[in-house]
Amino acid sequence: MNEMKEILLAGEPEQVDPALPRTAMMLFAPIDKRAFGAAIGTVSALAILVVTAGELLLRPEPSINLALLAQYFPGYAVSLPGAIVGALWAFAAGFCAGWFTAFVRNFVLAVSLFFLRSKAELADSRDFLDHI
């Protein structure tokens, strides 16, 4: 008899396949924190470079809105050297944000799976005292 049969809902199949499909396993795979941080940092740095280059090509005078990035990224200016400094700062900030996001996602997923596994084990051992 399949031990998972007791916790199935009405309308569920009689047998439960113990192995998850590969696509379902990929949903629960942890995210590599360094790789995710590097990806977010790279996209952030490229965004600063592209936006600054677009501003320099379209309007040679500095824009008020873009110049405010200097408040967040010291050394940034609406110029080519300032764009490189801003891209370095954006990479650092994006890396930290991406690393932290992956860390929190992995942590929440691990805690959720722990509680789900504990709940399933408790439901599986409901008749524990009957076997003593």
Foldseek 3Di string as FASTA:
>chain_A
DALCQVVDDPPDDNDDDPDDDPVVVVVLDADDLQVQLQVQLQVQLVVLLVVLVVCCVPPVDFDPVNQCCCVVQPQADSDDVNSNSSSVSSSVVSSVVRSVVSVVVNVVSVVVVVVVVVVSVCVSCVCVVVVD
